[in-house]
Every structure is written in C-alpha cells, then in structure tokens.
Amino acid sequence: MNIDSIGQSELFVDAEFSTVGAATPFSERLKSEFESVGSKLAVAETALQDLAAGKPGNIHHVMLALEDARLSFQLLAQVRNKVLEAYQDLLRMQI
C-alpha cells in the first residue's frame, strides 16, 4: 500500500457533517483546513505586528485572533496525530 492510494480512496466526508449535500473527499477537506489554519496564523501575526508597531487597534481583537489561531493549530495537530496513529495501526496489522 502506498500513500498515493490513500488520497484516491473512497473515503468521503460530508461538507456540512450532515446527510444532505455533496460529499467531499477527505483529502480535500484536510487541505482546506490546512489553508484555513494558515490564514488564521497569518491574520494573528499581522495583528500582533501592528500592535507592536504602535498602530491604533484593540488589544482584545489581537488576543482573540491569537487564541483562535492557537486553538485551530492545536486541533489540526491532534487530527494529524490521530491520522498517523491510524496509519501506523494499519501497517502493524497482520494479513
């Protein structure tokens, strides 16, 4: 089994986590979440740099952006860990 076959598998996750709507491949869903976390990290970094530069702004909004980025990154890291753990379990299975 190679890693390319996993991306082309029949695993689908519903876009809205309900039974109504078109199914989205798991790899596409994961890719969009990576992009979302990246954009949240960029927004938080920009807000923090603006605050450090002395530009007028609200510190509460900066802290909310930082916390949102931190929580999103932690969630993505945990999902990655679970996917790797499941893959390693598959590798250890005896046929």
PDB file of N, CA and C in Angstrom:
ATOM      1  N   MET A   1       0.850  -1.176   0.000  1.00  0.00           N
ATOM      2  CA  MET A   1       0.000   0.000   0.000  1.00  0.00           C
ATOM      3  C   MET A   1       0.886   1.226   0.000  1.00  0.00           C
ATOM      4  N   ASN A   2       0.641   2.124  -0.930  1.00  0.00           N
ATOM      5  CA  ASN A   2       1.411   3.361  -0.934  1.00  0.00           C
ATOM      6  C   ASN A   2       0.522   4.526  -0.537  1.00  0.00           C
ATOM      7  N   ILE A   3       1.136   5.632  -0.252  1.00  0.00           N
ATOM      8  CA  ILE A   3       0.418   6.795   0.257  1.00  0.00           C
ATOM      9  C   ILE A   3      -0.474   7.425  -0.811  1.00  0.00           C
ATOM     10  N   ASP A   4      -0.139   7.256  -2.092  1.00  0.00           N
ATOM     11  CA  ASP A   4      -0.955   7.825  -3.156  1.00  0.00           C
ATOM     12  C   ASP A   4      -2.329   7.174  -3.222  1.00  0.00           C
ATOM     13  N   SER A   5      -2.409   5.908  -2.881  1.00  0.00           N
ATOM     14  CA  SER A   5      -3.700   5.234  -2.944  1.00  0.00           C
ATOM     15  C   SER A   5      -4.644   5.725  -1.858  1.00  0.00           C
ATOM     16  N   ILE A   6      -4.115   6.271  -0.772  1.00  0.00           N
ATOM     17  CA  ILE A   6      -4.974   6.785   0.298  1.00  0.00           C
ATOM     18  C   ILE A   6      -5.716   8.020  -0.171  1.00  0.00           C
ATOM     19  N   GLY A   7      -5.045   8.905  -0.879  1.00  0.00           N
ATOM     20  CA  GLY A   7      -5.689  10.122  -1.361  1.00  0.00           C
ATOM     21  C   GLY A   7      -6.767   9.845  -2.393  1.00  0.00           C
ATOM     22  N   GLN A   8      -6.670   8.711  -3.088  1.00  0.00           N
ATOM     23  CA  GLN A   8      -7.633   8.381  -4.127  1.00  0.00           C
ATOM     24  C   GLN A   8      -8.661   7.369  -3.642  1.00  0.00           C
ATOM     25  N   SER A   9      -8.704   7.110  -2.357  1.00  0.00           N
ATOM     26  CA  SER A   9      -9.616   6.108  -1.831  1.00  0.00           C
ATOM     27  C   SER A   9     -11.047   6.621  -1.831  1.00  0.00           C
ATOM     28  N   GLU A  10     -11.927   5.786  -1.402  1.00  0.00           N
ATOM     29  CA  GLU A  10     -13.343   6.105  -1.394  1.00  0.00           C
ATOM     30  C   GLU A  10     -13.793   6.750  -0.089  1.00  0.00           C
ATOM     31  N   LEU A  11     -12.853   7.272   0.705  1.00  0.00           N
ATOM     32  CA  LEU A  11     -13.213   7.945   1.943  1.00  0.00           C
ATOM     33  C   LEU A  11     -13.795   9.313   1.631  1.00  0.00           C
ATOM     34  N   PHE A  12     -14.993   9.541   2.081  1.00  0.00           N
ATOM     35  CA  PHE A  12     -15.635  10.833   1.847  1.00  0.00           C
ATOM     36  C   PHE A  12     -16.189  11.359   3.163  1.00  0.00           C
ATOM     37  N   VAL A  13     -16.107  12.663   3.317  1.00  0.00           N
ATOM     38  CA  VAL A  13     -16.678  13.335   4.462  1.00  0.00           C
ATOM     39  C   VAL A  13     -17.658  14.363   3.927  1.00  0.00           C
ATOM     40  N   ASP A  14     -18.844  14.382   4.475  1.00  0.00           N
ATOM     41  CA  ASP A  14     -19.835  15.348   4.034  1.00  0.00           C
ATOM     42  C   ASP A  14     -19.370  16.743   4.393  1.00  0.00           C
ATOM     43  N   ALA A  15     -19.544  17.683   3.468  1.00  0.00           N
ATOM     44  CA  ALA A  15     -19.041  19.048   3.641  1.00  0.00           C
ATOM     45  C   ALA A  15     -19.641  19.733   4.864  1.00  0.00           C
ATOM     46  N   GLU A  16     -20.864  19.426   5.210  1.00  0.00           N
ATOM     47  CA  GLU A  16     -21.519  20.085   6.334  1.00  0.00           C
ATOM     48  C   GLU A  16     -21.722  19.138   7.511  1.00  0.00           C
ATOM     49  N   PHE A  17     -21.130  17.950   7.485  1.00  0.00           N
ATOM     50  CA  PHE A  17     -21.295  16.939   8.515  1.00  0.00           C
ATOM     51  C   PHE A  17     -22.753  16.553   8.715  1.00  0.00           C
ATOM     52  N   SER A  18     -23.500  16.548   7.655  1.00  0.00           N
ATOM     53  CA  SER A  18     -24.881  16.075   7.691  1.00  0.00           C
ATOM     54  C   SER A  18     -25.099  15.178   6.493  1.00  0.00           C
ATOM     55  N   THR A  19     -26.280  14.601   6.393  1.00  0.00           N
ATOM     56  CA  THR A  19     -26.538  13.663   5.310  1.00  0.00           C
ATOM     57  C   THR A  19     -27.003  14.351   4.039  1.00  0.00           C
ATOM     58  N   VAL A  20     -27.234  15.644   4.093  1.00  0.00           N
ATOM     59  CA  VAL A  20     -27.699  16.383   2.932  1.00  0.00           C
ATOM     60  C   VAL A  20     -26.522  17.110   2.293  1.00  0.00           C
ATOM     61  N   GLY A  21     -26.387  17.039   0.970  1.00  0.00           N
ATOM     62  CA  GLY A  21     -25.338  17.760   0.277  1.00  0.00           C
ATOM     63  C   GLY A  21     -24.364  16.815  -0.403  1.00  0.00           C
ATOM     64  N   ALA A  22     -23.459  17.400  -1.150  1.00  0.00           N
ATOM     65  CA  ALA A  22     -22.476  16.614  -1.885  1.00  0.00           C
ATOM     66  C   ALA A  22     -21.324  16.224  -0.962  1.00  0.00           C
ATOM     67  N   ALA A  23     -20.827  15.008  -1.129  1.00  0.00           N
ATOM     68  CA  ALA A  23     -19.715  14.524  -0.318  1.00  0.00           C
ATOM     69  C   ALA A  23     -18.397  15.093  -0.834  1.00  0.00           C
ATOM     70  N   THR A  24     -17.486  15.370   0.084  1.00  0.00           N
ATOM     71  CA  THR A  24     -16.177  15.916  -0.246  1.00  0.00           C
ATOM     72  C   THR A  24     -15.122  14.871   0.123  1.00  0.00           C
ATOM     73  N   PRO A  25     -14.144  14.650  -0.738  1.00  0.00           N
ATOM     74  CA  PRO A  25     -13.081  13.709  -0.363  1.00  0.00           C
ATOM     75  C   PRO A  25     -12.353  14.187   0.892  1.00  0.00           C
ATOM     76  N   PHE A  26     -11.933  13.237   1.713  1.00  0.00           N
ATOM     77  CA  PHE A  26     -11.257  13.559   2.966  1.00  0.00           C
ATOM     78  C   PHE A  26     -10.002  14.383   2.722  1.00  0.00           C
ATOM     79  N   SER A  27      -9.261  14.058   1.666  1.00  0.00           N
ATOM     80  CA  SER A  27      -8.026  14.789   1.384  1.00  0.00           C
ATOM     81  C   SER A  27      -8.307  16.254   1.065  1.00  0.00           C
ATOM     82  N   GLU A  28      -9.412  16.528   0.351  1.00  0.00           N
ATOM     83  CA  GLU A  28      -9.774  17.913   0.047  1.00  0.00           C
ATOM     84  C   GLU A  28     -10.189  18.662   1.310  1.00  0.00           C
ATOM     85  N   ARG A  29     -10.927  17.988   2.167  1.00  0.00           N
ATOM     86  CA  ARG A  29     -11.360  18.605   3.425  1.00  0.00           C
ATOM     87  C   ARG A  29     -10.147  18.950   4.290  1.00  0.00           C
ATOM     88  N   LEU A  30      -9.190  18.017   4.354  1.00  0.00           N
ATOM     89  CA  LEU A  30      -7.982  18.235   5.137  1.00  0.00           C
ATOM     90  C   LEU A  30      -7.153  19.382   4.559  1.00  0.00           C
ATOM     91  N   LYS A  31      -7.065  19.451   3.241  1.00  0.00           N
ATOM     92  CA  LYS A  31      -6.324  20.522   2.580  1.00  0.00           C
ATOM     93  C   LYS A  31      -6.947  21.883   2.887  1.00  0.00           C
ATOM     94  N   SER A  32      -8.268  21.958   2.845  1.00  0.00           N
ATOM     95  CA  SER A  32      -8.926  23.236   3.130  1.00  0.00           C
ATOM     96  C   SER A  32      -8.720  23.644   4.589  1.00  0.00           C
ATOM     97  N   GLU A  33      -8.673  22.672   5.495  1.00  0.00           N
ATOM     98  CA  GLU A  33      -8.416  23.001   6.903  1.00  0.00           C
ATOM     99  C   GLU A  33      -6.993  23.494   7.107  1.00  0.00           C
ATOM    100  N   PHE A  34      -6.013  22.894   6.393  1.00  0.00           N
ATOM    101  CA  PHE A  34      -4.638  23.387   6.460  1.00  0.00           C
ATOM    102  C   PHE A  34      -4.574  24.841   6.004  1.00  0.00           C
ATOM    103  N   GLU A  35      -5.257  25.157   4.907  1.00  0.00           N
ATOM    104  CA  GLU A  35      -5.261  26.527   4.394  1.00  0.00           C
ATOM    105  C   GLU A  35      -5.942  27.482   5.368  1.00  0.00           C
ATOM    106  N   SER A  36      -7.018  27.026   5.995  1.00  0.00           N
ATOM    107  CA  SER A  36      -7.737  27.855   6.957  1.00  0.00           C
ATOM    108  C   SER A  36      -6.865  28.182   8.163  1.00  0.00           C
ATOM    109  N   VAL A  37      -6.172  27.178   8.680  1.00  0.00           N
ATOM    110  CA  VAL A  37      -5.282  27.404   9.822  1.00  0.00           C
ATOM    111  C   VAL A  37      -4.145  28.339   9.425  1.00  0.00           C
ATOM    112  N   GLY A  38      -3.606  28.168   8.227  1.00  0.00           N
ATOM    113  CA  GLY A  38      -2.540  29.049   7.751  1.00  0.00           C
ATOM    114  C   GLY A  38      -2.986  30.495   7.668  1.00  0.00           C
ATOM    115  N   SER A  39      -4.196  30.709   7.187  1.00  0.00           N
ATOM    116  CA  SER A  39      -4.696  32.082   7.091  1.00  0.00           C
ATOM    117  C   SER A  39      -4.964  32.678   8.476  1.00  0.00           C
ATOM    118  N   LYS A  40      -5.450  31.854   9.419  1.00  0.00           N
ATOM    119  CA  LYS A  40      -5.673  32.352  10.783  1.00  0.00           C
ATOM    120  C   LYS A  40      -4.349  32.727  11.443  1.00  0.00           C
ATOM    121  N   LEU A  41      -3.317  31.930  11.201  1.00  0.00           N
ATOM    122  CA  LEU A  41      -1.998  32.250  11.749  1.00  0.00           C
ATOM    123  C   LEU A  41      -1.451  33.545  11.147  1.00  0.00           C
ATOM    124  N   ALA A  42      -1.677  33.754   9.850  1.00  0.00           N
ATOM    125  CA  ALA A  42      -1.208  34.971   9.190  1.00  0.00           C
ATOM    126  C   ALA A  42      -1.944  36.197   9.722  1.00  0.00           C
ATOM    127  N   VAL A  43      -3.243  36.086   9.931  1.00  0.00           N
ATOM    128  CA  VAL A  43      -4.028  37.202  10.470  1.00  0.00           C
ATOM    129  C   VAL A  43      -3.554  37.544  11.880  1.00  0.00           C
ATOM    130  N   ALA A  44      -3.334  36.529  12.695  1.00  0.00           N
ATOM    131  CA  ALA A  44      -2.876  36.768  14.066  1.00  0.00           C
ATOM    132  C   ALA A  44      -1.497  37.405  14.080  1.00  0.00           C
ATOM    133  N   GLU A  45      -0.611  36.960  13.204  1.00  0.00           N
ATOM    134  CA  GLU A  45       0.732  37.534  13.149  1.00  0.00           C
ATOM    135  C   GLU A  45       0.688  38.992  12.714  1.00  0.00           C
ATOM    136  N   THR A  46      -0.131  39.287  11.713  1.00  0.00           N
ATOM    137  CA  THR A  46      -0.266  40.662  11.243  1.00  0.00           C
ATOM    138  C   THR A  46      -0.830  41.560  12.342  1.00  0.00           C
ATOM    139  N   ALA A  47      -1.855  41.073  13.054  1.00  0.00           N
ATOM    140  CA  ALA A  47      -2.451  41.864  14.132  1.00  0.00           C
ATOM    141  C   ALA A  47      -1.442  42.117  15.242  1.00  0.00           C
ATOM    142  N   LEU A  48      -0.638  41.107  15.549  1.00  0.00           N
ATOM    143  CA  LEU A  48       0.370  41.271  16.596  1.00  0.00           C
ATOM    144  C   LEU A  48       1.470  42.248  16.175  1.00  0.00           C
ATOM    145  N   GLN A  49       1.887  42.189  14.922  1.00  0.00           N
ATOM    146  CA  GLN A  49       2.903  43.123  14.428  1.00  0.00           C
ATOM    147  C   GLN A  49       2.374  44.546  14.419  1.00  0.00           C
ATOM    148  N   ASP A  50       1.108  44.724  14.043  1.00  0.00           N
ATOM    149  CA  ASP A  50       0.510  46.057  14.056  1.00  0.00           C
ATOM    150  C   ASP A  50       0.441  46.614  15.478  1.00  0.00           C
ATOM    151  N   LEU A  51       0.104  45.749  16.429  1.00  0.00           N
ATOM    152  CA  LEU A  51       0.039  46.180  17.822  1.00  0.00           C
ATOM    153  C   LEU A  51       1.431  46.558  18.330  1.00  0.00           C
ATOM    154  N   ALA A  52       2.432  45.759  17.981  1.00  0.00           N
ATOM    155  CA  ALA A  52       3.808  46.031  18.423  1.00  0.00           C
ATOM    156  C   ALA A  52       4.361  47.299  17.775  1.00  0.00           C
ATOM    157  N   ALA A  53       3.890  47.614  16.557  1.00  0.00           N
ATOM    158  CA  ALA A  53       4.360  48.812  15.864  1.00  0.00           C
ATOM    159  C   ALA A  53       3.686  50.073  16.379  1.00  0.00           C
ATOM    160  N   GLY A  54       2.688  49.928  17.250  1.00  0.00           N
ATOM    161  CA  GLY A  54       2.029  51.080  17.825  1.00  0.00           C
ATOM    162  C   GLY A  54       0.854  51.588  17.022  1.00  0.00           C
ATOM    163  N   LYS A  55       0.423  50.839  16.030  1.00  0.00           N
ATOM    164  CA  LYS A  55      -0.746  51.260  15.254  1.00  0.00           C
ATOM    165  C   LYS A  55      -1.982  51.179  16.136  1.00  0.00           C
ATOM    166  N   PRO A  56      -2.918  52.109  15.915  1.00  0.00           N
ATOM    167  CA  PRO A  56      -4.125  52.072  16.750  1.00  0.00           C
ATOM    168  C   PRO A  56      -4.913  50.791  16.484  1.00  0.00           C
ATOM    169  N   GLY A  57      -5.335  50.182  17.546  1.00  0.00           N
ATOM    170  CA  GLY A  57      -6.098  48.947  17.434  1.00  0.00           C
ATOM    171  C   GLY A  57      -6.554  48.491  18.800  1.00  0.00           C
ATOM    172  N   ASN A  58      -7.359  47.471  18.795  1.00  0.00           N
ATOM    173  CA  ASN A  58      -7.918  46.963  20.027  1.00  0.00           C
ATOM    174  C   ASN A  58      -7.142  45.719  20.444  1.00  0.00           C
ATOM    175  N   ILE A  59      -6.576  45.724  21.633  1.00  0.00           N
ATOM    176  CA  ILE A  59      -5.794  44.581  22.103  1.00  0.00           C
ATOM    177  C   ILE A  59      -6.664  43.336  22.266  1.00  0.00           C
ATOM    178  N   HIS A  60      -7.943  43.540  22.525  1.00  0.00           N
ATOM    179  CA  HIS A  60      -8.850  42.397  22.677  1.00  0.00           C
ATOM    180  C   HIS A  60      -8.987  41.632  21.364  1.00  0.00           C
ATOM    181  N   HIS A  61      -9.064  42.366  20.261  1.00  0.00           N
ATOM    182  CA  HIS A  61      -9.162  41.711  18.957  1.00  0.00           C
ATOM    183  C   HIS A  61      -7.877  40.948  18.622  1.00  0.00           C
ATOM    184  N   VAL A  62      -6.757  41.520  19.015  1.00  0.00           N
ATOM    185  CA  VAL A  62      -5.471  40.849  18.780  1.00  0.00           C
ATOM    186  C   VAL A  62      -5.410  39.559  19.586  1.00  0.00           C
ATOM    187  N   MET A  63      -5.801  39.621  20.852  1.00  0.00           N
ATOM    188  CA  MET A  63      -5.771  38.431  21.698  1.00  0.00           C
ATOM    189  C   MET A  63      -6.745  37.364  21.198  1.00  0.00           C
ATOM    190  N   LEU A  64      -7.909  37.787  20.716  1.00  0.00           N
ATOM    191  CA  LEU A  64      -8.866  36.824  20.156  1.00  0.00           C
ATOM    192  C   LEU A  64      -8.321  36.159  18.899  1.00  0.00           C
ATOM    193  N   ALA A  65      -7.657  36.923  18.067  1.00  0.00           N
ATOM    194  CA  ALA A  65      -7.069  36.358  16.845  1.00  0.00           C
ATOM    195  C   ALA A  65      -5.956  35.372  17.195  1.00  0.00           C
ATOM    196  N   LEU A  66      -5.134  35.715  18.188  1.00  0.00           N
ATOM    197  CA  LEU A  66      -4.063  34.821  18.615  1.00  0.00           C
ATOM    198  C   LEU A  66      -4.611  33.525  19.207  1.00  0.00           C
ATOM    199  N   GLU A  67      -5.631  33.630  20.015  1.00  0.00           N
ATOM    200  CA  GLU A  67      -6.223  32.438  20.633  1.00  0.00           C
ATOM    201  C   GLU A  67      -6.917  31.561  19.597  1.00  0.00           C
ATOM    202  N   ASP A  68      -7.597  32.184  18.651  1.00  0.00           N
ATOM    203  CA  ASP A  68      -8.250  31.428  17.577  1.00  0.00           C
ATOM    204  C   ASP A  68      -7.221  30.664  16.746  1.00  0.00           C
ATOM    205  N   ALA A  69      -6.113  31.320  16.435  1.00  0.00           N
ATOM    206  CA  ALA A  69      -5.054  30.666  15.668  1.00  0.00           C
ATOM    207  C   ALA A  69      -4.422  29.527  16.466  1.00  0.00           C
ATOM    208  N   ARG A  70      -4.208  29.748  17.759  1.00  0.00           N
ATOM    209  CA  ARG A  70      -3.605  28.715  18.603  1.00  0.00           C
ATOM    210  C   ARG A  70      -4.491  27.485  18.703  1.00  0.00           C
ATOM    211  N   LEU A  71      -5.786  27.697  18.948  1.00  0.00           N
ATOM    212  CA  LEU A  71      -6.714  26.576  19.071  1.00  0.00           C
ATOM    213  C   LEU A  71      -6.874  25.825  17.751  1.00  0.00           C
ATOM    214  N   SER A  72      -6.921  26.556  16.658  1.00  0.00           N
ATOM    215  CA  SER A  72      -7.029  25.913  15.348  1.00  0.00           C
ATOM    216  C   SER A  72      -5.808  25.061  15.052  1.00  0.00           C
ATOM    217  N   PHE A  73      -4.631  25.585  15.383  1.00  0.00           N
ATOM    218  CA  PHE A  73      -3.402  24.831  15.150  1.00  0.00           C
ATOM    219  C   PHE A  73      -3.340  23.580  16.025  1.00  0.00           C
ATOM    220  N   GLN A  74      -3.744  23.700  17.286  1.00  0.00           N
ATOM    221  CA  GLN A  74      -3.742  22.541  18.177  1.00  0.00           C
ATOM    222  C   GLN A  74      -4.710  21.463  17.693  1.00  0.00           C
ATOM    223  N   LEU A  75      -5.881  21.880  17.223  1.00  0.00           N
ATOM    224  CA  LEU A  75      -6.846  20.920  16.704  1.00  0.00           C
ATOM    225  C   LEU A  75      -6.292  20.200  15.484  1.00  0.00           C
ATOM    226  N   LEU A  76      -5.683  20.948  14.582  1.00  0.00           N
ATOM    227  CA  LEU A  76      -5.106  20.346  13.387  1.00  0.00           C
ATOM    228  C   LEU A  76      -3.972  19.386  13.741  1.00  0.00           C
ATOM    229  N   ALA A  77      -3.170  19.740  14.733  1.00  0.00           N
ATOM    230  CA  ALA A  77      -2.087  18.853  15.165  1.00  0.00           C
ATOM    231  C   ALA A  77      -2.645  17.554  15.749  1.00  0.00           C
ATOM    232  N   GLN A  78      -3.732  17.647  16.507  1.00  0.00           N
ATOM    233  CA  GLN A  78      -4.334  16.441  17.070  1.00  0.00           C
ATOM    234  C   GLN A  78      -4.944  15.551  15.989  1.00  0.00           C
ATOM    235  N   VAL A  79      -5.565  16.167  14.992  1.00  0.00           N
ATOM    236  CA  VAL A  79      -6.106  15.388  13.874  1.00  0.00           C
ATOM    237  C   VAL A  79      -4.975  14.684  13.139  1.00  0.00           C
ATOM    238  N   ARG A  80      -3.879  15.403  12.904  1.00  0.00           N
ATOM    239  CA  ARG A  80      -2.720  14.797  12.253  1.00  0.00           C
ATOM    240  C   ARG A  80      -2.188  13.616  13.054  1.00  0.00           C
ATOM    241  N   ASN A  81      -2.098  13.789  14.374  1.00  0.00           N
ATOM    242  CA  ASN A  81      -1.611  12.708  15.223  1.00  0.00           C
ATOM    243  C   ASN A  81      -2.510  11.483  15.147  1.00  0.00           C
ATOM    244  N   LYS A  82      -3.821  11.690  15.130  1.00  0.00           N
ATOM    245  CA  LYS A  82      -4.759  10.568  15.055  1.00  0.00           C
ATOM    246  C   LYS A  82      -4.680   9.866  13.705  1.00  0.00           C
ATOM    247  N   VAL A  83      -4.507  10.634  12.635  1.00  0.00           N
ATOM    248  CA  VAL A  83      -4.383  10.025  11.302  1.00  0.00           C
ATOM    249  C   VAL A  83      -3.106   9.205  11.221  1.00  0.00           C
ATOM    250  N   LEU A  84      -2.006   9.731  11.738  1.00  0.00           N
ATOM    251  CA  LEU A  84      -0.742   8.984  11.739  1.00  0.00           C
ATOM    252  C   LEU A  84      -0.835   7.727  12.599  1.00  0.00           C
ATOM    253  N   GLU A  85      -1.508   7.839  13.723  1.00  0.00           N
ATOM    254  CA  GLU A  85      -1.686   6.681  14.601  1.00  0.00           C
ATOM    255  C   GLU A  85      -2.518   5.594  13.906  1.00  0.00           C
ATOM    256  N   ALA A  86      -3.563   5.996  13.214  1.00  0.00           N
ATOM    257  CA  ALA A  86      -4.380   5.025  12.484  1.00  0.00           C
ATOM    258  C   ALA A  86      -3.587   4.383  11.357  1.00  0.00           C
ATOM    259  N   TYR A  87      -2.775   5.155  10.667  1.00  0.00           N
ATOM    260  CA  TYR A  87      -1.948   4.620   9.585  1.00  0.00           C
ATOM    261  C   TYR A  87      -0.933   3.622  10.133  1.00  0.00           C
ATOM    262  N   GLN A  88      -0.325   3.940  11.266  1.00  0.00           N
ATOM    263  CA  GLN A  88       0.631   3.019  11.874  1.00  0.00           C
ATOM    264  C   GLN A  88      -0.052   1.743  12.341  1.00  0.00           C
ATOM    265  N   ASP A  89      -1.285   1.854  12.828  1.00  0.00           N
ATOM    266  CA  ASP A  89      -2.045   0.654  13.204  1.00  0.00           C
ATOM    267  C   ASP A  89      -2.300  -0.226  11.986  1.00  0.00           C
ATOM    268  N   LEU A  90      -2.600   0.399  10.858  1.00  0.00           N
ATOM    269  CA  LEU A  90      -2.805  -0.373   9.629  1.00  0.00           C
ATOM    270  C   LEU A  90      -1.532  -1.089   9.196  1.00  0.00           C
ATOM    271  N   LEU A  91      -0.401  -0.413   9.353  1.00  0.00           N
ATOM    272  CA  LEU A  91       0.868  -1.032   8.980  1.00  0.00           C
ATOM    273  C   LEU A  91       1.212  -2.226   9.871  1.00  0.00           C
ATOM    274  N   ARG A  92       0.787  -2.176  11.141  1.00  0.00           N
ATOM    275  CA  ARG A  92       1.092  -3.257  12.078  1.00  0.00           C
ATOM    276  C   ARG A  92       0.156  -4.450  11.943  1.00  0.00           C
ATOM    277  N   MET A  93      -0.940  -4.298  11.216  1.00  0.00           N
ATOM    278  CA  MET A  93      -1.884  -5.412  11.051  1.00  0.00           C
ATOM    279  C   MET A  93      -1.234  -6.561  10.301  1.00  0.00           C
ATOM    280  N   GLN A  94      -1.534  -7.741  10.770  1.00  0.00           N
ATOM    281  CA  GLN A  94      -1.034  -8.927  10.081  1.00  0.00           C
ATOM    282  C   GLN A  94      -2.099  -9.418   9.120  1.00  0.00           C
ATOM    283  N   ILE A  95      -1.628  -9.824   7.973  1.00  0.00           N
ATOM    284  CA  ILE A  95      -2.566 -10.292   6.944  1.00  0.00           C
ATOM    285  C   ILE A  95      -2.703 -11.789   7.018  1.00  0.00           C
TER     286      ILE A  95
END
